[in-house]
Amino acid sequence: MAFSLYDASVANYLQTLGAVSGFLERGLVYFREKNIDPETIVEARLAPDMLPLRFQIISVAQHSRGAIEGVQNGEFRPPASKTPYDYAGLQGLVTQTRETLSAWTPEAVNALGGRDVVFHIGERQLLFAAEDFLMSFSLPNFYFHATTAYDILRINGVPLGKRDFMGRLKLKS
């Protein structure tokens, strides 16, 4: 069996989005048990010059669902950093992202191969081939933001471990 664009992108997005959904839920349970308002965590960050949890989760959605849609449309833009979401809204965004990506078939994603994608960042435009955009830009950003969201919850006391980040493994049946 050949390894496809779908396998490299959407299948991995879905695995990690499942994990993100899980660790956000574990965070909510923890915050409720400790009488911590989860809304205070939405703006939590690892360092003063890093963006908060809210932006990390928005970026997870943008660099997965938004990346596939960007390849389909031929252009991609970074997410707005000021989009208002509360904790439940972030959870809903992850759920919506998973549902949207789950609707993509391997055939549809694989058919996107070879397309041009223009990444707009400010006044700059960077031209990618679809595969290079997904593999060299989108996936690394997706994992960075998922990891940062995990770390923000972890540093705020949520008892998470590596298994929580890994998500459901694709084991041979």
N, C-alpha and C. Protein backbone atom coordinates (compact mmCIF):
# COMPACT_ATOMS: atom_id res chain seq x y z
N MET A 1 0.84 -1.19 0.00
CA MET A 1 0.00 0.00 0.00
C MET A 1 0.88 1.25 0.00
N ALA A 2 0.59 2.14 -0.90
CA ALA A 2 1.34 3.39 -1.00
C ALA A 2 0.90 4.36 0.10
N PHE A 3 1.82 5.17 0.52
CA PHE A 3 1.55 6.20 1.51
C PHE A 3 1.05 7.42 0.76
N SER A 4 -0.11 7.94 1.09
CA SER A 4 -0.75 8.99 0.31
C SER A 4 -0.73 10.35 1.02
N LEU A 5 -1.12 11.37 0.28
CA LEU A 5 -1.25 12.71 0.84
C LEU A 5 -2.28 12.71 1.97
N TYR A 6 -3.36 11.97 1.80
CA TYR A 6 -4.36 11.85 2.86
C TYR A 6 -3.74 11.25 4.12
N ASP A 7 -3.00 10.16 3.96
CA ASP A 7 -2.36 9.49 5.10
C ASP A 7 -1.42 10.44 5.83
N ALA A 8 -0.67 11.24 5.07
CA ALA A 8 0.32 12.14 5.65
C ALA A 8 -0.32 13.36 6.32
N SER A 9 -1.50 13.74 5.87
CA SER A 9 -2.10 14.96 6.40
C SER A 9 -3.35 14.67 7.22
N VAL A 10 -4.47 14.43 6.58
CA VAL A 10 -5.75 14.34 7.27
C VAL A 10 -5.75 13.24 8.33
N ALA A 11 -5.20 12.09 8.02
CA ALA A 11 -5.18 11.00 9.01
C ALA A 11 -4.41 11.43 10.27
N ASN A 12 -3.32 12.16 10.09
CA ASN A 12 -2.55 12.64 11.25
C ASN A 12 -3.26 13.79 11.95
N TYR A 13 -3.87 14.67 11.19
CA TYR A 13 -4.65 15.73 11.82
C TYR A 13 -5.72 15.14 12.73
N LEU A 14 -6.44 14.15 12.21
CA LEU A 14 -7.54 13.57 12.98
C LEU A 14 -7.04 12.89 14.26
N GLN A 15 -5.91 12.20 14.18
CA GLN A 15 -5.37 11.55 15.38
C GLN A 15 -5.06 12.60 16.45
N THR A 16 -4.36 13.63 16.06
CA THR A 16 -3.96 14.65 17.04
C THR A 16 -5.14 15.50 17.48
N LEU A 17 -6.07 15.79 16.59
CA LEU A 17 -7.27 16.52 17.01
C LEU A 17 -8.07 15.74 18.04
N GLY A 18 -8.09 14.41 17.91
CA GLY A 18 -8.73 13.58 18.93
C GLY A 18 -8.05 13.75 20.27
N ALA A 19 -6.71 13.82 20.23
CA ALA A 19 -5.95 14.03 21.46
C ALA A 19 -6.22 15.42 22.03
N VAL A 20 -6.23 16.43 21.19
CA VAL A 20 -6.49 17.81 21.64
C VAL A 20 -7.87 17.87 22.29
N SER A 21 -8.85 17.26 21.68
CA SER A 21 -10.19 17.22 22.26
C SER A 21 -10.15 16.56 23.64
N GLY A 22 -9.42 15.47 23.73
CA GLY A 22 -9.30 14.75 25.00
C GLY A 22 -8.61 15.55 26.07
N PHE A 23 -7.50 16.22 25.73
CA PHE A 23 -6.81 16.95 26.79
C PHE A 23 -7.51 18.25 27.16
N LEU A 24 -8.27 18.83 26.24
CA LEU A 24 -9.11 19.96 26.63
C LEU A 24 -10.20 19.51 27.60
N GLU A 25 -10.78 18.34 27.36
CA GLU A 25 -11.81 17.82 28.26
C GLU A 25 -11.21 17.50 29.62
N ARG A 26 -10.04 16.88 29.65
CA ARG A 26 -9.38 16.60 30.93
C ARG A 26 -9.07 17.89 31.67
N GLY A 27 -8.69 18.91 30.91
CA GLY A 27 -8.44 20.21 31.53
C GLY A 27 -9.69 20.77 32.16
N LEU A 28 -10.80 20.69 31.47
CA LEU A 28 -12.06 21.20 32.01
C LEU A 28 -12.44 20.47 33.30
N VAL A 29 -12.31 19.16 33.30
CA VAL A 29 -12.61 18.38 34.51
C VAL A 29 -11.70 18.82 35.66
N TYR A 30 -10.41 18.96 35.37
CA TYR A 30 -9.44 19.38 36.40
C TYR A 30 -9.79 20.77 36.94
N PHE A 31 -10.06 21.72 36.06
CA PHE A 31 -10.36 23.08 36.50
C PHE A 31 -11.62 23.11 37.35
N ARG A 32 -12.61 22.34 36.99
CA ARG A 32 -13.83 22.29 37.80
C ARG A 32 -13.55 21.69 39.17
N GLU A 33 -12.76 20.61 39.21
CA GLU A 33 -12.42 19.97 40.49
C GLU A 33 -11.65 20.91 41.40
N LYS A 34 -10.82 21.75 40.83
CA LYS A 34 -9.96 22.67 41.60
C LYS A 34 -10.58 24.06 41.75
N ASN A 35 -11.82 24.22 41.32
CA ASN A 35 -12.50 25.52 41.38
C ASN A 35 -11.71 26.62 40.68
N ILE A 36 -11.17 26.27 39.52
CA ILE A 36 -10.46 27.25 38.68
C ILE A 36 -11.38 27.58 37.51
N ASP A 37 -11.59 28.84 37.27
CA ASP A 37 -12.42 29.26 36.15
C ASP A 37 -11.68 28.94 34.85
N PRO A 38 -12.22 28.05 34.01
CA PRO A 38 -11.51 27.70 32.78
C PRO A 38 -11.32 28.90 31.84
N GLU A 39 -12.13 29.92 32.02
CA GLU A 39 -11.98 31.10 31.17
C GLU A 39 -10.65 31.82 31.42
N THR A 40 -10.10 31.68 32.62
CA THR A 40 -8.79 32.30 32.90
C THR A 40 -7.68 31.58 32.13
N ILE A 41 -7.90 30.32 31.80
CA ILE A 41 -6.88 29.54 31.10
C ILE A 41 -6.88 29.86 29.60
N VAL A 42 -8.00 30.34 29.08
CA VAL A 42 -8.10 30.68 27.66
C VAL A 42 -7.02 31.69 27.28
N GLU A 43 -6.68 32.58 28.19
CA GLU A 43 -5.66 33.59 27.91
C GLU A 43 -4.30 33.24 28.51
N ALA A 44 -4.16 32.03 29.06
CA ALA A 44 -2.88 31.61 29.63
C ALA A 44 -1.87 31.38 28.52
N ARG A 45 -0.60 31.65 28.83
CA ARG A 45 0.48 31.47 27.86
C ARG A 45 1.70 30.93 28.57
N LEU A 46 2.60 30.36 27.80
CA LEU A 46 3.83 29.80 28.38
C LEU A 46 4.86 30.87 28.71
N ALA A 47 4.89 31.91 27.93
CA ALA A 47 5.84 33.00 28.13
C ALA A 47 5.16 34.29 27.70
N PRO A 48 5.60 35.42 28.25
CA PRO A 48 4.93 36.69 27.94
C PRO A 48 4.87 37.01 26.45
N ASP A 49 5.86 36.56 25.68
CA ASP A 49 5.88 36.89 24.26
C ASP A 49 5.24 35.81 23.38
N MET A 50 4.58 34.83 24.00
CA MET A 50 3.87 33.80 23.23
C MET A 50 2.37 34.08 23.27
N LEU A 51 1.68 33.60 22.27
CA LEU A 51 0.23 33.79 22.22
C LEU A 51 -0.46 32.77 23.13
N PRO A 52 -1.69 33.10 23.58
CA PRO A 52 -2.37 32.29 24.59
C PRO A 52 -2.99 31.00 24.03
N LEU A 53 -3.53 30.21 24.96
CA LEU A 53 -4.20 28.96 24.61
C LEU A 53 -5.23 29.17 23.50
N ARG A 54 -6.00 30.22 23.61
CA ARG A 54 -7.01 30.52 22.59
C ARG A 54 -6.40 30.49 21.19
N PHE A 55 -5.31 31.20 21.01
CA PHE A 55 -4.66 31.26 19.69
C PHE A 55 -4.09 29.90 19.29
N GLN A 56 -3.58 29.16 20.25
CA GLN A 56 -3.00 27.84 19.94
C GLN A 56 -4.07 26.91 19.36
N ILE A 57 -5.25 26.91 19.96
CA ILE A 57 -6.32 26.03 19.48
C ILE A 57 -6.87 26.53 18.14
N ILE A 58 -7.02 27.82 17.99
CA ILE A 58 -7.43 28.38 16.69
C ILE A 58 -6.43 27.97 15.62
N SER A 59 -5.15 28.00 15.94
CA SER A 59 -4.11 27.64 14.99
C SER A 59 -4.12 26.16 14.66
N VAL A 60 -4.45 25.32 15.64
CA VAL A 60 -4.59 23.88 15.38
C VAL A 60 -5.68 23.68 14.32
N ALA A 61 -6.79 24.39 14.45
CA ALA A 61 -7.86 24.27 13.46
C ALA A 61 -7.42 24.83 12.11
N GLN A 62 -6.76 25.97 12.13
CA GLN A 62 -6.35 26.62 10.88
C GLN A 62 -5.30 25.81 10.14
N HIS A 63 -4.40 25.16 10.86
CA HIS A 63 -3.33 24.40 10.21
C HIS A 63 -3.71 22.97 9.93
N SER A 64 -4.98 22.62 10.12
CA SER A 64 -5.48 21.30 9.74
C SER A 64 -6.63 21.50 8.74
N ARG A 65 -7.81 21.78 9.26
CA ARG A 65 -8.95 22.02 8.37
C ARG A 65 -8.65 23.17 7.41
N GLY A 66 -8.14 24.26 7.95
CA GLY A 66 -7.83 25.43 7.12
C GLY A 66 -6.76 25.16 6.08
N ALA A 67 -5.83 24.27 6.40
CA ALA A 67 -4.77 23.93 5.44
C ALA A 67 -5.35 23.15 4.26
N ILE A 68 -6.19 22.17 4.56
CA ILE A 68 -6.80 21.38 3.48
C ILE A 68 -7.71 22.27 2.64
N GLU A 69 -8.48 23.12 3.29
CA GLU A 69 -9.33 24.05 2.54
C GLU A 69 -8.48 25.03 1.74
N GLY A 70 -7.35 25.45 2.30
CA GLY A 70 -6.44 26.34 1.58
C GLY A 70 -5.86 25.69 0.34
N VAL A 71 -5.50 24.42 0.43
CA VAL A 71 -5.01 23.70 -0.73
C VAL A 71 -6.13 23.60 -1.77
N GLN A 72 -7.32 23.31 -1.32
CA GLN A 72 -8.45 23.20 -2.23
C GLN A 72 -8.70 24.53 -2.94
N ASN A 73 -8.62 25.64 -2.20
CA ASN A 73 -8.92 26.97 -2.76
C ASN A 73 -7.72 27.64 -3.40
N GLY A 74 -6.51 27.12 -3.14
CA GLY A 74 -5.31 27.69 -3.73
C GLY A 74 -4.68 28.81 -2.94
N GLU A 75 -5.22 29.09 -1.74
CA GLU A 75 -4.60 30.13 -0.91
C GLU A 75 -4.86 29.86 0.57
N PHE A 76 -3.91 30.32 1.38
CA PHE A 76 -3.96 30.12 2.83
C PHE A 76 -3.54 31.41 3.50
N ARG A 77 -4.24 31.73 4.58
CA ARG A 77 -3.90 32.90 5.40
C ARG A 77 -3.81 32.46 6.86
N PRO A 78 -2.93 33.09 7.62
CA PRO A 78 -2.85 32.74 9.04
C PRO A 78 -4.13 33.15 9.76
N PRO A 79 -4.41 32.52 10.90
CA PRO A 79 -5.62 32.87 11.65
C PRO A 79 -5.48 34.24 12.31
N ALA A 80 -6.61 34.87 12.56
CA ALA A 80 -6.62 36.13 13.30
C ALA A 80 -6.31 35.82 14.76
N SER A 81 -5.43 36.59 15.37
CA SER A 81 -5.04 36.33 16.75
C SER A 81 -6.05 36.85 17.76
N LYS A 82 -7.00 37.62 17.34
CA LYS A 82 -7.95 38.24 18.27
C LYS A 82 -9.34 37.61 18.23
N THR A 83 -9.49 36.46 17.59
CA THR A 83 -10.79 35.81 17.51
C THR A 83 -11.25 35.43 18.91
N PRO A 84 -12.44 35.90 19.33
CA PRO A 84 -12.90 35.61 20.69
C PRO A 84 -13.50 34.21 20.81
N TYR A 85 -12.97 33.43 21.72
CA TYR A 85 -13.51 32.12 22.06
C TYR A 85 -13.40 31.95 23.56
N ASP A 86 -14.42 31.35 24.17
CA ASP A 86 -14.28 30.91 25.55
C ASP A 86 -13.83 29.45 25.52
N TYR A 87 -13.66 28.85 26.68
CA TYR A 87 -13.14 27.48 26.75
C TYR A 87 -14.06 26.52 25.99
N ALA A 88 -15.36 26.63 26.21
CA ALA A 88 -16.32 25.77 25.51
C ALA A 88 -16.27 26.01 24.00
N GLY A 89 -16.07 27.25 23.61
CA GLY A 89 -15.95 27.58 22.19
C GLY A 89 -14.73 26.94 21.55
N LEU A 90 -13.64 26.89 22.30
CA LEU A 90 -12.43 26.23 21.79
C LEU A 90 -12.68 24.74 21.62
N GLN A 91 -13.37 24.14 22.59
CA GLN A 91 -13.71 22.73 22.47
C GLN A 91 -14.61 22.50 21.25
N GLY A 92 -15.57 23.39 21.05
CA GLY A 92 -16.45 23.28 19.90
C GLY A 92 -15.71 23.44 18.58
N LEU A 93 -14.72 24.33 18.55
CA LEU A 93 -13.91 24.52 17.35
C LEU A 93 -13.17 23.24 16.99
N VAL A 94 -12.62 22.57 17.99
CA VAL A 94 -11.91 21.31 17.74
C VAL A 94 -12.89 20.25 17.22
N THR A 95 -14.05 20.17 17.83
CA THR A 95 -15.07 19.21 17.38
C THR A 95 -15.48 19.50 15.94
N GLN A 96 -15.75 20.75 15.65
CA GLN A 96 -16.14 21.14 14.29
C GLN A 96 -15.03 20.82 13.29
N THR A 97 -13.80 21.07 13.67
CA THR A 97 -12.66 20.80 12.79
C THR A 97 -12.56 19.31 12.50
N ARG A 98 -12.71 18.50 13.54
CA ARG A 98 -12.67 17.04 13.36
C ARG A 98 -13.79 16.57 12.43
N GLU A 99 -14.99 17.10 12.62
CA GLU A 99 -16.13 16.71 11.78
C GLU A 99 -15.89 17.08 10.32
N THR A 100 -15.40 18.28 10.10
CA THR A 100 -15.14 18.74 8.73
C THR A 100 -14.07 17.88 8.06
N LEU A 101 -12.98 17.62 8.78
CA LEU A 101 -11.91 16.80 8.20
C LEU A 101 -12.36 15.35 7.98
N SER A 102 -13.21 14.85 8.85
CA SER A 102 -13.69 13.47 8.71
C SER A 102 -14.51 13.29 7.44
N ALA A 103 -15.07 14.37 6.93
CA ALA A 103 -15.88 14.28 5.71
C ALA A 103 -15.01 14.18 4.45
N TRP A 104 -13.74 14.52 4.56
CA TRP A 104 -12.83 14.42 3.41
C TRP A 104 -12.48 12.96 3.16
N THR A 105 -12.61 12.53 1.94
CA THR A 105 -12.22 11.16 1.59
C THR A 105 -10.76 11.13 1.16
N PRO A 106 -10.12 9.98 1.28
CA PRO A 106 -8.75 9.88 0.78
C PRO A 106 -8.64 10.29 -0.70
N GLU A 107 -9.61 9.91 -1.49
CA GLU A 107 -9.56 10.23 -2.92
C GLU A 107 -9.60 11.74 -3.15
N ALA A 108 -10.45 12.43 -2.41
CA ALA A 108 -10.57 13.88 -2.57
C ALA A 108 -9.29 14.60 -2.15
N VAL A 109 -8.71 14.17 -1.03
CA VAL A 109 -7.47 14.82 -0.57
C VAL A 109 -6.32 14.49 -1.52
N ASN A 110 -6.20 13.25 -1.92
CA ASN A 110 -5.11 12.86 -2.82
C ASN A 110 -5.20 13.58 -4.16
N ALA A 111 -6.42 13.91 -4.59
CA ALA A 111 -6.61 14.64 -5.85
C ALA A 111 -6.10 16.08 -5.77
N LEU A 112 -5.86 16.58 -4.56
CA LEU A 112 -5.35 17.94 -4.38
C LEU A 112 -3.85 18.03 -4.67
N GLY A 113 -3.19 16.90 -4.75
CA GLY A 113 -1.74 16.88 -4.99
C GLY A 113 -1.37 17.62 -6.26
N GLY A 114 -0.27 18.35 -6.19
CA GLY A 114 0.25 19.06 -7.35
C GLY A 114 -0.32 20.46 -7.53
N ARG A 115 -1.33 20.81 -6.78
CA ARG A 115 -1.91 22.15 -6.90
C ARG A 115 -0.97 23.20 -6.33
N ASP A 116 -1.11 24.41 -6.82
CA ASP A 116 -0.40 25.55 -6.25
C ASP A 116 -1.18 26.09 -5.06
N VAL A 117 -0.45 26.51 -4.03
CA VAL A 117 -1.04 27.14 -2.86
C VAL A 117 -0.23 28.40 -2.57
N VAL A 118 -0.92 29.52 -2.47
CA VAL A 118 -0.27 30.78 -2.12
C VAL A 118 -0.55 31.05 -0.65
N PHE A 119 0.52 31.21 0.11
CA PHE A 119 0.41 31.56 1.52
C PHE A 119 0.58 33.07 1.62
N HIS A 120 -0.47 33.73 2.12
CA HIS A 120 -0.46 35.18 2.29
C HIS A 120 -0.08 35.50 3.72
N ILE A 121 0.99 36.25 3.89
CA ILE A 121 1.40 36.70 5.22
C ILE A 121 1.74 38.18 5.09
N GLY A 122 0.82 39.02 5.58
CA GLY A 122 0.99 40.46 5.40
C GLY A 122 0.98 40.77 3.91
N GLU A 123 1.99 41.50 3.48
CA GLU A 123 2.11 41.87 2.07
C GLU A 123 2.82 40.79 1.25
N ARG A 124 3.41 39.82 1.95
CA ARG A 124 4.17 38.77 1.27
C ARG A 124 3.28 37.65 0.80
N GLN A 125 3.71 37.01 -0.28
CA GLN A 125 3.05 35.83 -0.79
C GLN A 125 4.11 34.77 -1.07
N LEU A 126 3.89 33.59 -0.51
CA LEU A 126 4.81 32.48 -0.73
C LEU A 126 4.08 31.40 -1.51
N LEU A 127 4.69 30.95 -2.60
CA LEU A 127 4.07 29.95 -3.45
C LEU A 127 4.59 28.56 -3.08
N PHE A 128 3.69 27.63 -2.87
CA PHE A 128 4.01 26.24 -2.55
C PHE A 128 3.29 25.30 -3.51
N ALA A 129 3.82 24.11 -3.68
CA ALA A 129 3.04 23.00 -4.22
C ALA A 129 2.26 22.44 -3.03
N ALA A 130 1.10 21.88 -3.29
CA ALA A 130 0.22 21.40 -2.21
C ALA A 130 0.96 20.50 -1.23
N GLU A 131 1.69 19.52 -1.74
CA GLU A 131 2.38 18.58 -0.86
C GLU A 131 3.41 19.27 0.01
N ASP A 132 4.15 20.21 -0.58
CA ASP A 132 5.17 20.93 0.18
C ASP A 132 4.54 21.85 1.21
N PHE A 133 3.44 22.47 0.87
CA PHE A 133 2.74 23.32 1.83
C PHE A 133 2.30 22.50 3.04
N LEU A 134 1.66 21.36 2.78
CA LEU A 134 1.17 20.53 3.88
C LEU A 134 2.31 19.95 4.71
N MET A 135 3.33 19.43 4.05
CA MET A 135 4.39 18.71 4.77
C MET A 135 5.43 19.64 5.41
N SER A 136 5.76 20.76 4.76
CA SER A 136 6.83 21.60 5.30
C SER A 136 6.33 22.82 6.07
N PHE A 137 5.05 23.13 5.92
CA PHE A 137 4.52 24.31 6.62
C PHE A 137 3.36 23.96 7.54
N SER A 138 2.33 23.37 6.99
CA SER A 138 1.11 23.13 7.76
C SER A 138 1.31 22.13 8.90
N LEU A 139 1.82 20.96 8.59
CA LEU A 139 2.00 19.95 9.64
C LEU A 139 2.92 20.40 10.76
N PRO A 140 4.10 20.99 10.45
CA PRO A 140 4.94 21.47 11.56
C PRO A 140 4.22 22.52 12.42
N ASN A 141 3.49 23.44 11.81
CA ASN A 141 2.74 24.42 12.58
C ASN A 141 1.64 23.77 13.39
N PHE A 142 0.93 22.83 12.81
CA PHE A 142 -0.13 22.10 13.50
C PHE A 142 0.41 21.45 14.77
N TYR A 143 1.52 20.73 14.64
CA TYR A 143 2.09 20.05 15.81
C TYR A 143 2.64 21.04 16.83
N PHE A 144 3.23 22.13 16.36
CA PHE A 144 3.73 23.16 17.28
C PHE A 144 2.60 23.70 18.15
N HIS A 145 1.49 24.06 17.52
CA HIS A 145 0.39 24.67 18.26
C HIS A 145 -0.34 23.65 19.14
N ALA A 146 -0.46 22.41 18.68
CA ALA A 146 -1.06 21.37 19.53
C ALA A 146 -0.18 21.12 20.75
N THR A 147 1.13 21.07 20.55
CA THR A 147 2.06 20.87 21.66
C THR A 147 2.01 22.04 22.63
N THR A 148 1.96 23.25 22.11
CA THR A 148 1.92 24.43 22.97
C THR A 148 0.63 24.46 23.77
N ALA A 149 -0.50 24.10 23.16
CA ALA A 149 -1.76 24.03 23.91
C ALA A 149 -1.66 23.01 25.04
N TYR A 150 -1.12 21.84 24.72
CA TYR A 150 -0.90 20.79 25.73
C TYR A 150 -0.04 21.34 26.87
N ASP A 151 1.06 22.00 26.51
CA ASP A 151 1.98 22.52 27.51
C ASP A 151 1.34 23.60 28.39
N ILE A 152 0.49 24.43 27.80
CA ILE A 152 -0.20 25.46 28.60
C ILE A 152 -1.09 24.79 29.64
N LEU A 153 -1.82 23.76 29.24
CA LEU A 153 -2.66 23.06 30.21
C LEU A 153 -1.79 22.38 31.26
N ARG A 154 -0.72 21.76 30.82
CA ARG A 154 0.17 21.02 31.74
C ARG A 154 0.79 21.96 32.77
N ILE A 155 1.26 23.12 32.32
CA ILE A 155 1.91 24.06 33.25
C ILE A 155 0.89 24.68 34.21
N ASN A 156 -0.40 24.59 33.85
CA ASN A 156 -1.46 25.09 34.72
C ASN A 156 -2.06 23.98 35.57
N GLY A 157 -1.34 22.86 35.69
CA GLY A 157 -1.69 21.83 36.64
C GLY A 157 -2.47 20.64 36.13
N VAL A 158 -2.93 20.68 34.90
CA VAL A 158 -3.72 19.56 34.37
C VAL A 158 -2.82 18.32 34.31
N PRO A 159 -3.24 17.23 34.94
CA PRO A 159 -2.41 16.03 34.98
C PRO A 159 -2.45 15.27 33.65
N LEU A 160 -1.61 15.69 32.73
CA LEU A 160 -1.52 15.09 31.41
C LEU A 160 -0.20 14.36 31.26
N GLY A 161 -0.21 13.35 30.43
CA GLY A 161 1.02 12.63 30.10
C GLY A 161 1.15 12.48 28.59
N LYS A 162 2.20 11.82 28.18
CA LYS A 162 2.48 11.65 26.76
C LYS A 162 1.32 10.96 26.03
N ARG A 163 0.70 9.99 26.67
CA ARG A 163 -0.43 9.29 26.03
C ARG A 163 -1.56 10.25 25.69
N ASP A 164 -1.74 11.26 26.52
CA ASP A 164 -2.79 12.25 26.25
C ASP A 164 -2.50 13.03 24.97
N PHE A 165 -1.23 13.23 24.67
CA PHE A 165 -0.86 13.96 23.46
C PHE A 165 -0.90 13.06 22.22
N MET A 166 -0.58 11.81 22.38
CA MET A 166 -0.46 10.90 21.25
C MET A 166 -1.80 10.62 20.57
N GLY A 167 -2.87 10.58 21.34
CA GLY A 167 -4.16 10.25 20.75
C GLY A 167 -4.25 8.76 20.43
N ARG A 168 -5.25 8.43 19.66
CA ARG A 168 -5.50 7.03 19.32
C ARG A 168 -4.52 6.57 18.25
N LEU A 169 -3.72 5.60 18.61
CA LEU A 169 -2.71 5.07 17.68
C LEU A 169 -3.37 4.26 16.57
N LYS A 170 -2.71 4.23 15.43
CA LYS A 170 -3.20 3.47 14.27
C LYS A 170 -2.54 2.11 14.28
N LEU A 171 -3.06 1.23 15.10
CA LEU A 171 -2.49 -0.11 15.24
C LEU A 171 -2.96 -1.04 14.13
N LYS A 172 -2.10 -1.96 13.78
CA LYS A 172 -2.46 -2.97 12.79
C LYS A 172 -3.47 -3.91 13.43
N SER A 173 -4.53 -4.20 12.70
CA SER A 173 -5.57 -5.08 13.27
C SER A 173 -5.33 -6.54 12.92
